[in-house]
């Protein structure tokens, strides 16, 4: 699981997760934005993945 250099918007986390699971990056982005409407640590998880996932 890596963050791509192309197709990345902010950190490339959603594009990397989409590539890993065979889903469009836009679908992952939409799910992330929708999940931010719910209470929880979504932004912290995104930031942690940004730090943990290596660049492709």
PDB file of N, CA and C in Angstrom:
ATOM      1  N   UNK A   1       0.853  -1.160   0.000  1.00  0.00           N
ATOM      2  CA  UNK A   1       0.000   0.000   0.000  1.00  0.00           C
ATOM      3  C   UNK A   1       0.906   1.232   0.000  1.00  0.00           C
ATOM      4  N   UNK A   2       0.833   2.016  -1.069  1.00  0.00           N
ATOM      5  CA  UNK A   2       1.663   3.205  -1.207  1.00  0.00           C
ATOM      6  C   UNK A   2       0.821   4.382  -1.677  1.00  0.00           C
ATOM      7  N   UNK A   3       1.352   5.590  -1.484  1.00  0.00           N
ATOM      8  CA  UNK A   3       0.696   6.801  -1.960  1.00  0.00           C
ATOM      9  C   UNK A   3       1.265   7.146  -3.332  1.00  0.00           C
ATOM     10  N   UNK A   4       0.425   7.240  -4.358  1.00  0.00           N
ATOM     11  CA  UNK A   4       0.941   7.560  -5.695  1.00  0.00           C
ATOM     12  C   UNK A   4       1.303   9.033  -5.815  1.00  0.00           C
ATOM     13  N   UNK A   5       2.210   9.328  -6.721  1.00  0.00           N
ATOM     14  CA  UNK A   5       2.580  10.721  -6.986  1.00  0.00           C
ATOM     15  C   UNK A   5       1.566  11.377  -7.917  1.00  0.00           C
ATOM     16  N   UNK A   6       0.993  10.616  -8.828  1.00  0.00           N
ATOM     17  CA  UNK A   6      -0.007  11.147  -9.754  1.00  0.00           C
ATOM     18  C   UNK A   6      -1.398  10.799  -9.248  1.00  0.00           C
ATOM     19  N   UNK A   7      -2.319  11.721  -9.408  1.00  0.00           N
ATOM     20  CA  UNK A   7      -3.684  11.482  -8.967  1.00  0.00           C
ATOM     21  C   UNK A   7      -3.916  11.765  -7.496  1.00  0.00           C
ATOM     22  N   UNK A   8      -2.901  12.277  -6.819  1.00  0.00           N
ATOM     23  CA  UNK A   8      -3.035  12.584  -5.399  1.00  0.00           C
ATOM     24  C   UNK A   8      -3.545  14.010  -5.238  1.00  0.00           C
ATOM     25  N   UNK A   9      -4.495  14.200  -4.341  1.00  0.00           N
ATOM     26  CA  UNK A   9      -5.021  15.539  -4.103  1.00  0.00           C
ATOM     27  C   UNK A   9      -4.296  16.187  -2.938  1.00  0.00           C
ATOM     28  N   UNK A  10      -4.473  15.697  -1.756  1.00  0.00           N
ATOM     29  CA  UNK A  10      -3.826  16.312  -0.600  1.00  0.00           C
ATOM     30  C   UNK A  10      -2.587  15.503  -0.226  1.00  0.00           C
ATOM     31  N   UNK A  11      -2.784  14.308   0.223  1.00  0.00           N
ATOM     32  CA  UNK A  11      -1.649  13.491   0.623  1.00  0.00           C
ATOM     33  C   UNK A  11      -1.521  12.222  -0.196  1.00  0.00           C
ATOM     34  N   UNK A  12      -2.532  11.903  -0.969  1.00  0.00           N
ATOM     35  CA  UNK A  12      -2.506  10.684  -1.760  1.00  0.00           C
ATOM     36  C   UNK A  12      -2.993   9.459  -1.018  1.00  0.00           C
ATOM     37  N   UNK A  13      -3.499   9.645   0.184  1.00  0.00           N
ATOM     38  CA  UNK A  13      -3.946   8.511   0.990  1.00  0.00           C
ATOM     39  C   UNK A  13      -5.151   7.836   0.346  1.00  0.00           C
ATOM     40  N   UNK A  14      -6.131   8.606  -0.065  1.00  0.00           N
ATOM     41  CA  UNK A  14      -7.336   8.026  -0.676  1.00  0.00           C
ATOM     42  C   UNK A  14      -7.008   7.339  -1.999  1.00  0.00           C
ATOM     43  N   UNK A  15      -6.104   7.925  -2.783  1.00  0.00           N
ATOM     44  CA  UNK A  15      -5.699   7.294  -4.040  1.00  0.00           C
ATOM     45  C   UNK A  15      -4.962   5.987  -3.776  1.00  0.00           C
ATOM     46  N   UNK A  16      -4.133   5.959  -2.743  1.00  0.00           N
ATOM     47  CA  UNK A  16      -3.421   4.732  -2.380  1.00  0.00           C
ATOM     48  C   UNK A  16      -4.358   3.646  -1.882  1.00  0.00           C
ATOM     49  N   UNK A  17      -5.326   4.028  -1.062  1.00  0.00           N
ATOM     50  CA  UNK A  17      -6.300   3.045  -0.573  1.00  0.00           C
ATOM     51  C   UNK A  17      -7.175   2.536  -1.713  1.00  0.00           C
ATOM     52  N   UNK A  18      -7.551   3.422  -2.623  1.00  0.00           N
ATOM     53  CA  UNK A  18      -8.356   3.001  -3.773  1.00  0.00           C
ATOM     54  C   UNK A  18      -7.605   2.020  -4.657  1.00  0.00           C
ATOM     55  N   UNK A  19      -6.336   2.290  -4.899  1.00  0.00           N
ATOM     56  CA  UNK A  19      -5.528   1.376  -5.712  1.00  0.00           C
ATOM     57  C   UNK A  19      -5.344   0.035  -5.010  1.00  0.00           C
ATOM     58  N   UNK A  20      -5.181   0.053  -3.705  1.00  0.00           N
ATOM     59  CA  UNK A  20      -4.970  -1.185  -2.948  1.00  0.00           C
ATOM     60  C   UNK A  20      -6.187  -2.088  -2.980  1.00  0.00           C
ATOM     61  N   UNK A  21      -7.381  -1.487  -2.867  1.00  0.00           N
ATOM     62  CA  UNK A  21      -8.604  -2.275  -2.798  1.00  0.00           C
ATOM     63  C   UNK A  21      -9.364  -2.333  -4.119  1.00  0.00           C
ATOM     64  N   UNK A  22      -8.799  -1.787  -5.191  1.00  0.00           N
ATOM     65  CA  UNK A  22      -9.413  -1.888  -6.508  1.00  0.00           C
ATOM     66  C   UNK A  22     -10.657  -1.042  -6.675  1.00  0.00           C
ATOM     67  N   UNK A  23     -10.686   0.106  -6.002  1.00  0.00           N
ATOM     68  CA  UNK A  23     -11.827   1.013  -6.055  1.00  0.00           C
ATOM     69  C   UNK A  23     -11.312   2.351  -6.572  1.00  0.00           C
ATOM     70  N   UNK A  24     -12.173   3.108  -7.212  1.00  0.00           N
ATOM     71  CA  UNK A  24     -11.801   4.428  -7.687  1.00  0.00           C
ATOM     72  C   UNK A  24     -11.410   5.315  -6.502  1.00  0.00           C
ATOM     73  N   UNK A  25     -10.418   6.153  -6.717  1.00  0.00           N
ATOM     74  CA  UNK A  25      -9.988   7.065  -5.657  1.00  0.00           C
ATOM     75  C   UNK A  25     -11.101   8.040  -5.302  1.00  0.00           C
ATOM     76  N   UNK A  26     -11.919   8.401  -6.266  1.00  0.00           N
ATOM     77  CA  UNK A  26     -13.027   9.319  -5.987  1.00  0.00           C
ATOM     78  C   UNK A  26     -14.060   8.697  -5.057  1.00  0.00           C
ATOM     79  N   UNK A  27     -14.266   7.404  -5.164  1.00  0.00           N
ATOM     80  CA  UNK A  27     -15.193   6.713  -4.266  1.00  0.00           C
ATOM     81  C   UNK A  27     -14.640   6.741  -2.844  1.00  0.00           C
ATOM     82  N   UNK A  28     -13.349   6.497  -2.699  1.00  0.00           N
ATOM     83  CA  UNK A  28     -12.730   6.515  -1.375  1.00  0.00           C
ATOM     84  C   UNK A  28     -12.796   7.933  -0.803  1.00  0.00           C
ATOM     85  N   UNK A  29     -12.555   8.936  -1.639  1.00  0.00           N
ATOM     86  CA  UNK A  29     -12.652  10.327  -1.168  1.00  0.00           C
ATOM     87  C   UNK A  29     -14.060  10.655  -0.710  1.00  0.00           C
ATOM     88  N   UNK A  30     -15.052  10.228  -1.469  1.00  0.00           N
ATOM     89  CA  UNK A  30     -16.443  10.480  -1.108  1.00  0.00           C
ATOM     90  C   UNK A  30     -16.786   9.799   0.214  1.00  0.00           C
ATOM     91  N   UNK A  31     -16.358   8.559   0.384  1.00  0.00           N
ATOM     92  CA  UNK A  31     -16.607   7.850   1.635  1.00  0.00           C
ATOM     93  C   UNK A  31     -15.918   8.533   2.814  1.00  0.00           C
ATOM     94  N   UNK A  32     -14.730   9.060   2.577  1.00  0.00           N
ATOM     95  CA  UNK A  32     -14.026   9.756   3.653  1.00  0.00           C
ATOM     96  C   UNK A  32     -14.766  11.025   4.050  1.00  0.00           C
ATOM     97  N   UNK A  33     -15.206  11.795   3.068  1.00  0.00           N
ATOM     98  CA  UNK A  33     -15.927  13.032   3.371  1.00  0.00           C
ATOM     99  C   UNK A  33     -17.233  12.722   4.099  1.00  0.00           C
ATOM    100  N   UNK A  34     -17.938  11.699   3.654  1.00  0.00           N
ATOM    101  CA  UNK A  34     -19.178  11.313   4.325  1.00  0.00           C
ATOM    102  C   UNK A  34     -18.913  10.814   5.749  1.00  0.00           C
ATOM    103  N   UNK A  35     -17.808  10.117   5.928  1.00  0.00           N
ATOM    104  CA  UNK A  35     -17.493   9.620   7.272  1.00  0.00           C
ATOM    105  C   UNK A  35     -17.125  10.760   8.215  1.00  0.00           C
ATOM    106  N   UNK A  36     -16.654  11.875   7.677  1.00  0.00           N
ATOM    107  CA  UNK A  36     -16.320  13.022   8.533  1.00  0.00           C
ATOM    108  C   UNK A  36     -17.566  13.659   9.128  1.00  0.00           C
ATOM    109  N   UNK A  37     -18.728  13.358   8.579  1.00  0.00           N
ATOM    110  CA  UNK A  37     -19.974  13.860   9.152  1.00  0.00           C
ATOM    111  C   UNK A  37     -20.329  13.131  10.439  1.00  0.00           C
ATOM    112  N   UNK A  38     -19.760  11.958  10.642  1.00  0.00           N
ATOM    113  CA  UNK A  38     -19.994  11.171  11.848  1.00  0.00           C
ATOM    114  C   UNK A  38     -18.914  11.490  12.878  1.00  0.00           C
ATOM    115  N   UNK A  39     -19.229  11.365  14.143  1.00  0.00           N
ATOM    116  CA  UNK A  39     -18.187  11.601  15.146  1.00  0.00           C
ATOM    117  C   UNK A  39     -17.151  10.479  15.124  1.00  0.00           C
ATOM    118  N   UNK A  40     -15.910  10.865  15.324  1.00  0.00           N
ATOM    119  CA  UNK A  40     -14.850   9.869  15.354  1.00  0.00           C
ATOM    120  C   UNK A  40     -13.518  10.465  14.942  1.00  0.00           C
ATOM    121  N   UNK A  41     -12.476   9.661  14.943  1.00  0.00           N
ATOM    122  CA  UNK A  41     -11.122  10.147  14.678  1.00  0.00           C
ATOM    123  C   UNK A  41     -10.703  10.028  13.202  1.00  0.00           C
ATOM    124  N   UNK A  42     -11.603  10.272  12.274  1.00  0.00           N
ATOM    125  CA  UNK A  42     -11.293  10.080  10.860  1.00  0.00           C
ATOM    126  C   UNK A  42     -10.103  10.925  10.395  1.00  0.00           C
ATOM    127  N   UNK A  43     -10.067  12.178  10.794  1.00  0.00           N
ATOM    128  CA  UNK A  43      -8.989  13.057  10.352  1.00  0.00           C
ATOM    129  C   UNK A  43      -7.656  12.600  10.937  1.00  0.00           C
ATOM    130  N   UNK A  44      -7.668  12.157  12.181  1.00  0.00           N
ATOM    131  CA  UNK A  44      -6.429  11.656  12.788  1.00  0.00           C
ATOM    132  C   UNK A  44      -5.940  10.394  12.089  1.00  0.00           C
ATOM    133  N   UNK A  45      -6.860   9.521  11.696  1.00  0.00           N
ATOM    134  CA  UNK A  45      -6.486   8.309  10.962  1.00  0.00           C
ATOM    135  C   UNK A  45      -5.904   8.671   9.608  1.00  0.00           C
ATOM    136  N   UNK A  46      -6.511   9.648   8.929  1.00  0.00           N
ATOM    137  CA  UNK A  46      -5.988  10.109   7.638  1.00  0.00           C
ATOM    138  C   UNK A  46      -4.563  10.641   7.797  1.00  0.00           C
ATOM    139  N   UNK A  47      -4.342  11.474   8.813  1.00  0.00           N
ATOM    140  CA  UNK A  47      -3.011  12.027   9.039  1.00  0.00           C
ATOM    141  C   UNK A  47      -1.994  10.935   9.384  1.00  0.00           C
ATOM    142  N   UNK A  48      -2.420   9.946  10.163  1.00  0.00           N
ATOM    143  CA  UNK A  48      -1.523   8.838  10.496  1.00  0.00           C
ATOM    144  C   UNK A  48      -1.160   8.035   9.253  1.00  0.00           C
ATOM    145  N   UNK A  49      -2.139   7.777   8.388  1.00  0.00           N
ATOM    146  CA  UNK A  49      -1.853   7.057   7.146  1.00  0.00           C
ATOM    147  C   UNK A  49      -0.955   7.874   6.235  1.00  0.00           C
ATOM    148  N   UNK A  50      -1.099   9.196   6.239  1.00  0.00           N
ATOM    149  CA  UNK A  50      -0.262  10.061   5.442  1.00  0.00           C
ATOM    150  C   UNK A  50       1.210   9.914   5.866  1.00  0.00           C
ATOM    151  N   UNK A  51       1.441   9.794   7.165  1.00  0.00           N
ATOM    152  CA  UNK A  51       2.785   9.652   7.680  1.00  0.00           C
ATOM    153  C   UNK A  51       3.310   8.240   7.463  1.00  0.00           C
ATOM    154  N   UNK A  52       2.450   7.212   7.654  1.00  0.00           N
ATOM    155  CA  UNK A  52       2.892   5.816   7.606  1.00  0.00           C
ATOM    156  C   UNK A  52       3.086   5.301   6.176  1.00  0.00           C
ATOM    157  N   UNK A  53       2.174   5.653   5.275  1.00  0.00           N
ATOM    158  CA  UNK A  53       2.235   5.122   3.903  1.00  0.00           C
ATOM    159  C   UNK A  53       3.383   5.750   3.126  1.00  0.00           C
ATOM    160  N   UNK A  54       4.255   4.924   2.550  1.00  0.00           N
ATOM    161  CA  UNK A  54       5.382   5.483   1.776  1.00  0.00           C
ATOM    162  C   UNK A  54       4.918   5.975   0.396  1.00  0.00           C
ATOM    163  N   UNK A  55       5.696   6.879  -0.180  1.00  0.00           N
ATOM    164  CA  UNK A  55       5.445   7.346  -1.537  1.00  0.00           C
ATOM    165  C   UNK A  55       5.769   6.230  -2.516  1.00  0.00           C
ATOM    166  N   UNK A  56       5.046   6.193  -3.617  1.00  0.00           N
ATOM    167  CA  UNK A  56       5.326   5.186  -4.648  1.00  0.00           C
ATOM    168  C   UNK A  56       6.517   5.630  -5.436  1.00  0.00           C
TER     169      UNK A  56
END
